[in-house]
Amino acid sequence: MSDLNHRNDHTANPAPLGLLGFGMTTVLLNFHNIGWFPLNSMILAMGVCYGGVAQVIAGIMEWKKGNTFGTVAFTSYGFFWLTLVALILLPQTGMTPATPESGMAAFFALWGIFTAAMFIATLRMAFIMRAVFGSLSMLFALLALRDYLASPAIGHAAGWIGLACGGFAIYAALAQILNEVFGAVVLPLGEVRA
């Protein structure tokens, strides 16, 4: 009888799925923050389906691989997107009042604190992950300030940081895919040297 606890893990790397769900949704929302187009169904649908559900699936897959960081990151940010969409849509149903800007400032500040702690963990990871979590920490800080101060200018600046953050995540995902497919470094990730 074989020992089932010692089988090799031959499952796929779920990180590119989670990173693309996060990155592409972040880019689209920040097109809105910059002012390129209004908040619309395309952004909200992307927030539910790819930013939300796909990241939660990736997080569950990371759990199967024994990756605590990936599990916490992808499931947390997946549920962040689902929560953000609910905060926008629930008041439109008449079920709840809209959250005031001070409440949204607290929401983004709390996510910023969580992200800053996750950023510390990336100091032992590839450079691109530090870029993703560092820029995301800045994005949440700016979004909290935007809502606390009711400042469209800060929101506009946050949009540009958000574009960079989403771009870093997309790059990290595509690099992992291409590097695995070609069995070589096609796009460097800035690996940490031991």
C-alpha atoms as a PDB file:
ATOM      1  CA  MET A   1       0.000   0.000   0.000  1.00  0.00           C
ATOM      2  CA  SER A   2       1.518   3.346  -1.044  1.00  0.00           C
ATOM      3  CA  ASP A   3       1.775   6.269   1.342  1.00  0.00           C
ATOM      4  CA  LEU A   4      -0.698   8.834  -0.002  1.00  0.00           C
ATOM      5  CA  ASN A   5       0.814  11.579   2.169  1.00  0.00           C
ATOM      6  CA  HIS A   6       4.110  11.497   0.286  1.00  0.00           C
ATOM      7  CA  ARG A   7       2.947  11.812  -3.305  1.00  0.00           C
ATOM      8  CA  ASN A   8       4.552  14.500  -5.441  1.00  0.00           C
ATOM      9  CA  ASP A   9       2.388  17.525  -6.176  1.00  0.00           C
ATOM     10  CA  HIS A  10       1.899  17.722  -9.947  1.00  0.00           C
ATOM     11  CA  THR A  11      -0.850  20.342  -9.890  1.00  0.00           C
ATOM     12  CA  ALA A  12      -0.475  23.545 -11.877  1.00  0.00           C
ATOM     13  CA  ASN A  13       0.840  26.803 -10.434  1.00  0.00           C
ATOM     14  CA  PRO A  14      -2.287  28.834  -9.522  1.00  0.00           C
ATOM     15  CA  ALA A  15      -0.402  32.103  -8.961  1.00  0.00           C
ATOM     16  CA  PRO A  16      -0.703  33.385 -12.568  1.00  0.00           C
ATOM     17  CA  LEU A  17      -4.494  32.991 -12.425  1.00  0.00           C
ATOM     18  CA  GLY A  18      -4.691  34.921  -9.163  1.00  0.00           C
ATOM     19  CA  LEU A  19      -2.256  37.592 -10.341  1.00  0.00           C
ATOM     20  CA  LEU A  20      -4.127  38.111 -13.615  1.00  0.00           C
ATOM     21  CA  GLY A  21      -7.486  38.285 -11.820  1.00  0.00           C
ATOM     22  CA  PHE A  22      -6.042  40.875  -9.465  1.00  0.00           C
ATOM     23  CA  GLY A  23      -3.980  42.780 -12.025  1.00  0.00           C
ATOM     24  CA  MET A  24      -6.503  43.104 -14.836  1.00  0.00           C
ATOM     25  CA  THR A  25      -9.315  44.106 -12.467  1.00  0.00           C
ATOM     26  CA  THR A  26      -7.062  46.632 -10.739  1.00  0.00           C
ATOM     27  CA  VAL A  27      -6.107  48.204 -14.067  1.00  0.00           C
ATOM     28  CA  LEU A  28      -9.758  48.562 -15.131  1.00  0.00           C
ATOM     29  CA  LEU A  29     -10.876  50.109 -11.832  1.00  0.00           C
ATOM     30  CA  ASN A  30      -8.005  52.559 -11.961  1.00  0.00           C
ATOM     31  CA  PHE A  31      -8.912  53.625 -15.493  1.00  0.00           C
ATOM     32  CA  HIS A  32     -12.023  54.900 -13.687  1.00  0.00           C
ATOM     33  CA  ASN A  33     -10.003  56.481 -10.840  1.00  0.00           C
ATOM     34  CA  ILE A  34      -7.918  58.386 -13.385  1.00  0.00           C
ATOM     35  CA  GLY A  35     -11.143  59.604 -14.974  1.00  0.00           C
ATOM     36  CA  TRP A  36     -10.976  57.819 -18.334  1.00  0.00           C
ATOM     37  CA  PHE A  37     -14.504  56.416 -17.961  1.00  0.00           C
ATOM     38  CA  PRO A  38     -17.240  56.141 -15.325  1.00  0.00           C
ATOM     39  CA  LEU A  39     -17.719  53.241 -12.954  1.00  0.00           C
ATOM     40  CA  ASN A  40     -19.814  50.843 -15.019  1.00  0.00           C
ATOM     41  CA  SER A  41     -21.014  47.260 -15.344  1.00  0.00           C
ATOM     42  CA  MET A  42     -17.788  46.177 -17.087  1.00  0.00           C
ATOM     43  CA  ILE A  43     -15.702  47.093 -14.027  1.00  0.00           C
ATOM     44  CA  LEU A  44     -18.215  45.647 -11.563  1.00  0.00           C
ATOM     45  CA  ALA A  45     -18.584  42.395 -13.515  1.00  0.00           C
ATOM     46  CA  MET A  46     -14.807  42.058 -13.729  1.00  0.00           C
ATOM     47  CA  GLY A  47     -14.645  42.699  -9.966  1.00  0.00           C
ATOM     48  CA  VAL A  48     -17.070  39.862  -9.252  1.00  0.00           C
ATOM     49  CA  CYS A  49     -15.957  37.295 -11.824  1.00  0.00           C
ATOM     50  CA  TYR A  50     -12.213  37.669 -12.354  1.00  0.00           C
ATOM     51  CA  GLY A  51     -11.035  39.858  -9.498  1.00  0.00           C
ATOM     52  CA  GLY A  52     -13.321  38.061  -7.050  1.00  0.00           C
ATOM     53  CA  VAL A  53     -14.174  34.483  -7.966  1.00  0.00           C
ATOM     54  CA  ALA A  54     -11.010  33.644  -9.944  1.00  0.00           C
ATOM     55  CA  GLN A  55      -8.774  34.884  -7.120  1.00  0.00           C
ATOM     56  CA  VAL A  56     -10.679  32.902  -4.503  1.00  0.00           C
ATOM     57  CA  ILE A  57     -10.262  29.783  -6.669  1.00  0.00           C
ATOM     58  CA  ALA A  58      -6.537  30.530  -7.010  1.00  0.00           C
ATOM     59  CA  GLY A  59      -6.287  30.943  -3.240  1.00  0.00           C
ATOM     60  CA  ILE A  60      -7.916  27.570  -2.663  1.00  0.00           C
ATOM     61  CA  MET A  61      -5.505  26.029  -5.154  1.00  0.00           C
ATOM     62  CA  GLU A  62      -2.579  27.649  -3.279  1.00  0.00           C
ATOM     63  CA  TRP A  63      -3.893  26.020  -0.089  1.00  0.00           C
ATOM     64  CA  LYS A  64      -3.684  22.631  -1.829  1.00  0.00           C
ATOM     65  CA  LYS A  65      -0.044  23.389  -2.628  1.00  0.00           C
ATOM     66  CA  GLY A  66       0.696  24.340   0.997  1.00  0.00           C
ATOM     67  CA  ASN A  67       1.391  28.005   0.197  1.00  0.00           C
ATOM     68  CA  THR A  68       0.075  30.065   3.120  1.00  0.00           C
ATOM     69  CA  PHE A  69       1.045  33.417   1.582  1.00  0.00           C
ATOM     70  CA  GLY A  70      -0.686  32.619  -1.720  1.00  0.00           C
ATOM     71  CA  THR A  71      -3.749  31.258   0.065  1.00  0.00           C
ATOM     72  CA  VAL A  72      -4.166  34.341   2.242  1.00  0.00           C
ATOM     73  CA  ALA A  73      -3.324  36.828  -0.514  1.00  0.00           C
ATOM     74  CA  PHE A  74      -5.555  35.465  -3.263  1.00  0.00           C
ATOM     75  CA  THR A  75      -8.562  34.581  -1.110  1.00  0.00           C
ATOM     76  CA  SER A  76      -8.360  37.887   0.781  1.00  0.00           C
ATOM     77  CA  TYR A  77      -8.068  40.084  -2.297  1.00  0.00           C
ATOM     78  CA  GLY A  78     -10.687  37.993  -4.102  1.00  0.00           C
ATOM     79  CA  PHE A  79     -13.107  38.686  -1.274  1.00  0.00           C
ATOM     80  CA  PHE A  80     -11.958  42.338  -1.264  1.00  0.00           C
ATOM     81  CA  TRP A  81     -13.260  42.667  -4.827  1.00  0.00           C
ATOM     82  CA  LEU A  82     -16.530  40.930  -3.979  1.00  0.00           C
ATOM     83  CA  THR A  83     -16.962  43.196  -0.951  1.00  0.00           C
ATOM     84  CA  LEU A  84     -16.160  46.354  -2.912  1.00  0.00           C
ATOM     85  CA  VAL A  85     -18.757  45.488  -5.551  1.00  0.00           C
ATOM     86  CA  ALA A  86     -21.306  44.741  -2.800  1.00  0.00           C
ATOM     87  CA  LEU A  87     -20.562  48.125  -1.185  1.00  0.00           C
ATOM     88  CA  ILE A  88     -21.346  49.792  -4.504  1.00  0.00           C
ATOM     89  CA  LEU A  89     -24.410  47.739  -5.466  1.00  0.00           C
ATOM     90  CA  LEU A  90     -26.221  47.074  -2.157  1.00  0.00           C
ATOM     91  CA  PRO A  91     -27.302  50.694  -1.642  1.00  0.00           C
ATOM     92  CA  GLN A  92     -28.794  50.685  -5.152  1.00  0.00           C
ATOM     93  CA  THR A  93     -31.118  47.863  -4.113  1.00  0.00           C
ATOM     94  CA  GLY A  94     -32.445  49.870  -1.193  1.00  0.00           C
ATOM     95  CA  MET A  95     -31.351  47.129   1.245  1.00  0.00           C
ATOM     96  CA  THR A  96     -28.739  49.296   2.958  1.00  0.00           C
ATOM     97  CA  PRO A  97     -27.705  52.952   3.015  1.00  0.00           C
ATOM     98  CA  ALA A  98     -24.553  53.914   1.148  1.00  0.00           C
ATOM     99  CA  THR A  99     -21.319  53.918   3.135  1.00  0.00           C
ATOM    100  CA  PRO A 100     -20.160  57.500   3.852  1.00  0.00           C
ATOM    101  CA  GLU A 101     -16.743  58.588   2.608  1.00  0.00           C
ATOM    102  CA  SER A 102     -15.350  58.344   6.159  1.00  0.00           C
ATOM    103  CA  GLY A 103     -16.455  54.703   6.252  1.00  0.00           C
ATOM    104  CA  MET A 104     -14.807  53.995   2.907  1.00  0.00           C
ATOM    105  CA  ALA A 105     -11.640  55.685   4.204  1.00  0.00           C
ATOM    106  CA  ALA A 106     -11.630  53.234   7.129  1.00  0.00           C
ATOM    107  CA  PHE A 107     -12.275  50.322   4.731  1.00  0.00           C
ATOM    108  CA  PHE A 108      -9.318  51.243   2.517  1.00  0.00           C
ATOM    109  CA  ALA A 109      -7.068  52.041   5.501  1.00  0.00           C
ATOM    110  CA  LEU A 110      -7.687  48.600   6.999  1.00  0.00           C
ATOM    111  CA  TRP A 111      -6.869  46.939   3.700  1.00  0.00           C
ATOM    112  CA  GLY A 112      -3.747  49.108   3.520  1.00  0.00           C
ATOM    113  CA  ILE A 113      -2.554  47.890   6.920  1.00  0.00           C
ATOM    114  CA  PHE A 114      -3.128  44.272   5.888  1.00  0.00           C
ATOM    115  CA  THR A 115      -1.305  44.864   2.599  1.00  0.00           C
ATOM    116  CA  ALA A 116       1.652  46.529   4.339  1.00  0.00           C
ATOM    117  CA  ALA A 117       2.043  43.399   6.495  1.00  0.00           C
ATOM    118  CA  MET A 118       1.868  41.219   3.378  1.00  0.00           C
ATOM    119  CA  PHE A 119       4.482  43.491   1.758  1.00  0.00           C
ATOM    120  CA  ILE A 120       6.889  42.644   4.592  1.00  0.00           C
ATOM    121  CA  ALA A 121       6.550  38.970   3.650  1.00  0.00           C
ATOM    122  CA  THR A 122       7.485  39.800   0.049  1.00  0.00           C
ATOM    123  CA  LEU A 123      10.924  40.942   1.200  1.00  0.00           C
ATOM    124  CA  ARG A 124      11.832  37.231   0.970  1.00  0.00           C
ATOM    125  CA  MET A 125      10.305  36.896  -2.524  1.00  0.00           C
ATOM    126  CA  ALA A 126      11.056  37.961  -6.084  1.00  0.00           C
ATOM    127  CA  PHE A 127      11.388  41.695  -6.722  1.00  0.00           C
ATOM    128  CA  ILE A 128       8.201  41.810  -8.806  1.00  0.00           C
ATOM    129  CA  MET A 129       6.161  40.688  -5.783  1.00  0.00           C
ATOM    130  CA  ARG A 130       7.640  43.538  -3.732  1.00  0.00           C
ATOM    131  CA  ALA A 131       6.608  45.888  -6.543  1.00  0.00           C
ATOM    132  CA  VAL A 132       3.034  44.521  -6.544  1.00  0.00           C
ATOM    133  CA  PHE A 133       2.538  44.691  -2.770  1.00  0.00           C
ATOM    134  CA  GLY A 134       4.491  47.921  -2.283  1.00  0.00           C
ATOM    135  CA  SER A 135       2.440  49.757  -4.898  1.00  0.00           C
ATOM    136  CA  LEU A 136      -0.765  48.191  -3.550  1.00  0.00           C
ATOM    137  CA  SER A 137       0.071  49.486  -0.062  1.00  0.00           C
ATOM    138  CA  MET A 138       0.493  52.972  -1.535  1.00  0.00           C
ATOM    139  CA  LEU A 139      -2.751  52.602  -3.506  1.00  0.00           C
ATOM    140  CA  PHE A 140      -4.799  51.733  -0.419  1.00  0.00           C
ATOM    141  CA  ALA A 141      -3.210  54.623   1.518  1.00  0.00           C
ATOM    142  CA  LEU A 142      -4.110  57.069  -1.249  1.00  0.00           C
ATOM    143  CA  LEU A 143      -7.659  55.716  -1.563  1.00  0.00           C
ATOM    144  CA  ALA A 144      -8.135  56.109   2.194  1.00  0.00           C
ATOM    145  CA  LEU A 145      -6.825  59.685   2.022  1.00  0.00           C
ATOM    146  CA  ARG A 146      -9.000  60.427  -1.006  1.00  0.00           C
ATOM    147  CA  ASP A 147     -12.122  59.419   0.865  1.00  0.00           C
ATOM    148  CA  TYR A 148     -11.095  60.922   4.214  1.00  0.00           C
ATOM    149  CA  LEU A 149     -10.245  64.291   2.648  1.00  0.00           C
ATOM    150  CA  ALA A 150     -12.848  64.064  -0.154  1.00  0.00           C
ATOM    151  CA  SER A 151     -10.058  64.871  -2.620  1.00  0.00           C
ATOM    152  CA  PRO A 152     -10.550  64.029  -6.313  1.00  0.00           C
ATOM    153  CA  ALA A 153      -6.899  64.991  -6.938  1.00  0.00           C
ATOM    154  CA  ILE A 154      -5.668  62.300  -4.546  1.00  0.00           C
ATOM    155  CA  GLY A 155      -8.054  59.838  -6.218  1.00  0.00           C
ATOM    156  CA  HIS A 156      -6.541  60.736  -9.588  1.00  0.00           C
ATOM    157  CA  ALA A 157      -3.012  60.124  -8.238  1.00  0.00           C
ATOM    158  CA  ALA A 158      -4.199  56.824  -6.752  1.00  0.00           C
ATOM    159  CA  GLY A 159      -5.372  55.825 -10.220  1.00  0.00           C
ATOM    160  CA  TRP A 160      -1.863  56.103 -11.640  1.00  0.00           C
ATOM    161  CA  ILE A 161      -0.402  54.065  -8.758  1.00  0.00           C
ATOM    162  CA  GLY A 162      -3.183  51.522  -9.348  1.00  0.00           C
ATOM    163  CA  LEU A 163      -2.268  51.228 -13.025  1.00  0.00           C
ATOM    164  CA  ALA A 164       1.341  50.513 -12.046  1.00  0.00           C
ATOM    165  CA  CYS A 165       0.249  47.987  -9.412  1.00  0.00           C
ATOM    166  CA  GLY A 166      -2.042  46.144 -11.818  1.00  0.00           C
ATOM    167  CA  GLY A 167       0.658  46.236 -14.479  1.00  0.00           C
ATOM    168  CA  PHE A 168       3.203  44.687 -12.103  1.00  0.00           C
ATOM    169  CA  ALA A 169       0.748  41.872 -11.277  1.00  0.00           C
ATOM    170  CA  ILE A 170       0.013  41.200 -14.956  1.00  0.00           C
ATOM    171  CA  TYR A 171       3.739  41.136 -15.725  1.00  0.00           C
ATOM    172  CA  ALA A 172       4.380  38.712 -12.829  1.00  0.00           C
ATOM    173  CA  ALA A 173       1.639  36.383 -14.090  1.00  0.00           C
ATOM    174  CA  LEU A 174       2.763  36.413 -17.712  1.00  0.00           C
ATOM    175  CA  ALA A 175       6.399  35.951 -16.693  1.00  0.00           C
ATOM    176  CA  GLN A 176       5.534  32.867 -14.655  1.00  0.00           C
ATOM    177  CA  ILE A 177       3.516  31.398 -17.529  1.00  0.00           C
ATOM    178  CA  LEU A 178       6.124  32.079 -20.223  1.00  0.00           C
ATOM    179  CA  ASN A 179       9.063  31.013 -18.059  1.00  0.00           C
ATOM    180  CA  GLU A 180       7.337  27.709 -17.265  1.00  0.00           C
ATOM    181  CA  VAL A 181       6.281  27.019 -20.867  1.00  0.00           C
ATOM    182  CA  PHE A 182       9.732  27.768 -22.300  1.00  0.00           C
ATOM    183  CA  GLY A 183      11.687  26.255 -19.395  1.00  0.00           C
ATOM    184  CA  ALA A 184      13.865  29.367 -19.299  1.00  0.00           C
ATOM    185  CA  VAL A 185      13.778  32.962 -18.087  1.00  0.00           C
ATOM    186  CA  VAL A 186      11.839  34.725 -20.834  1.00  0.00           C
ATOM    187  CA  LEU A 187      10.730  37.542 -18.518  1.00  0.00           C
ATOM    188  CA  PRO A 188      12.792  38.024 -15.336  1.00  0.00           C
ATOM    189  CA  LEU A 189      11.029  38.209 -11.978  1.00  0.00           C
ATOM    190  CA  GLY A 190      13.991  39.503  -9.952  1.00  0.00           C
ATOM    191  CA  GLU A 191      14.439  36.319  -7.963  1.00  0.00           C
ATOM    192  CA  VAL A 192      15.894  36.557  -4.456  1.00  0.00           C
ATOM    193  CA  ARG A 193      19.364  35.065  -4.237  1.00  0.00           C
ATOM    194  CA  ALA A 194      20.142  32.856  -1.261  1.00  0.00           C
END
